[in-house]
Protein backbone atom coordinates (compact mmCIF):
# COMPACT_ATOMS: atom_id res chain seq x y z
CA MET A 1 -3.43 -1.45 7.81
CA VAL A 2 -3.81 -2.74 4.15
CA ILE A 3 -0.86 -2.16 1.43
CA GLY A 4 -2.39 -2.91 -1.81
CA LEU A 5 -2.89 -1.10 -5.29
CA PRO A 6 -5.27 1.59 -5.38
CA ARG A 7 -7.84 0.31 -7.50
CA LEU A 8 -8.39 -2.71 -5.01
CA LEU A 9 -8.26 -1.04 -1.78
CA ALA A 10 -11.10 1.55 -3.44
CA THR A 11 -13.51 -1.74 -4.00
CA VAL A 12 -12.61 -4.07 -2.70
CA GLY A 13 -10.69 -3.05 0.43
CA THR A 14 -13.37 -0.51 1.14
CA ALA A 15 -16.23 -3.26 0.63
CA THR A 16 -14.17 -5.62 2.87
CA ALA A 17 -13.52 -2.71 5.65
CA GLN A 18 -17.53 -1.84 5.94
CA ALA A 19 -18.41 -5.49 6.03
CA GLN A 20 -16.02 -5.52 8.85
CA HIS A 21 -17.33 -2.81 10.64
CA LEU A 22 -13.81 -0.78 10.35
CA PRO A 23 -14.36 2.73 11.44
CA ALA A 24 -11.09 4.02 9.88
CA PRO A 25 -9.30 1.38 7.50
CA ARG A 26 -5.86 2.31 7.03
CA PHE A 27 -5.02 1.69 3.62
CA VAL A 28 -1.61 1.97 1.88
CA GLU A 29 -1.25 2.37 -1.83
CA LEU A 30 1.35 0.53 -3.87
CA PRO A 31 2.95 2.85 -6.68
CA ASP A 32 2.16 1.70 -10.15
CA LEU A 33 4.64 -1.21 -10.68
CA HIS A 34 3.31 -2.51 -13.72
CA HIS A 35 6.67 -2.47 -15.40
CA ALA A 36 7.90 -4.34 -12.11
CA LEU A 37 7.13 -7.39 -13.57
CA ASP A 38 9.46 -7.02 -16.33
CA TYR A 39 12.83 -8.35 -15.88
CA ILE A 40 14.33 -6.05 -13.35
CA PRO A 41 18.66 -5.79 -13.27
CA ASP A 42 20.09 -6.74 -10.39
CA GLU A 43 22.09 -3.25 -10.04
CA SER A 44 18.83 -1.77 -10.32
CA ASP A 45 17.82 0.49 -7.30
CA PHE A 46 14.15 -0.24 -7.93
CA TRP A 47 13.53 -2.14 -5.12
CA THR A 48 15.37 0.01 -2.89
CA GLU A 49 13.35 3.35 -4.23
CA ALA A 50 10.12 1.12 -4.09
CA VAL A 51 9.99 0.49 -0.54
CA ALA A 52 12.14 4.00 0.26
CA ASP A 53 9.00 5.27 -0.84
CA LEU A 54 6.29 2.36 0.42
CA LEU A 55 7.40 2.95 4.33
CA PRO A 56 6.08 6.47 5.42
CA GLY A 57 3.46 5.54 4.62
CA VAL A 58 3.53 2.09 6.56
CA VAL A 59 4.47 3.39 9.35
CA ASP A 60 1.80 6.16 9.46
CA GLY A 61 -0.74 4.22 9.40
CA LEU A 62 0.70 1.94 12.02
CA THR A 63 1.49 5.05 14.16
CA ARG A 64 -1.41 7.27 13.74
CA SER A 65 -4.28 7.81 16.75
CA THR A 66 -7.60 6.64 15.61
CA ALA A 67 -9.12 9.18 18.05
């Protein structure tokens, strides 16, 4: 499974999966985090919410059958 930004998954991720002969690569797209590069106050729930949004895709990618 690969976690990354949508544009990188669509380009580098897909090309790498093809080069590795992976039949169905599992990609989990990160949400838009450009504003996370700015200061996020300690009392913000931003990172908790970001992980909560990402976690279902990670669990699905790890537990989904490839058959």
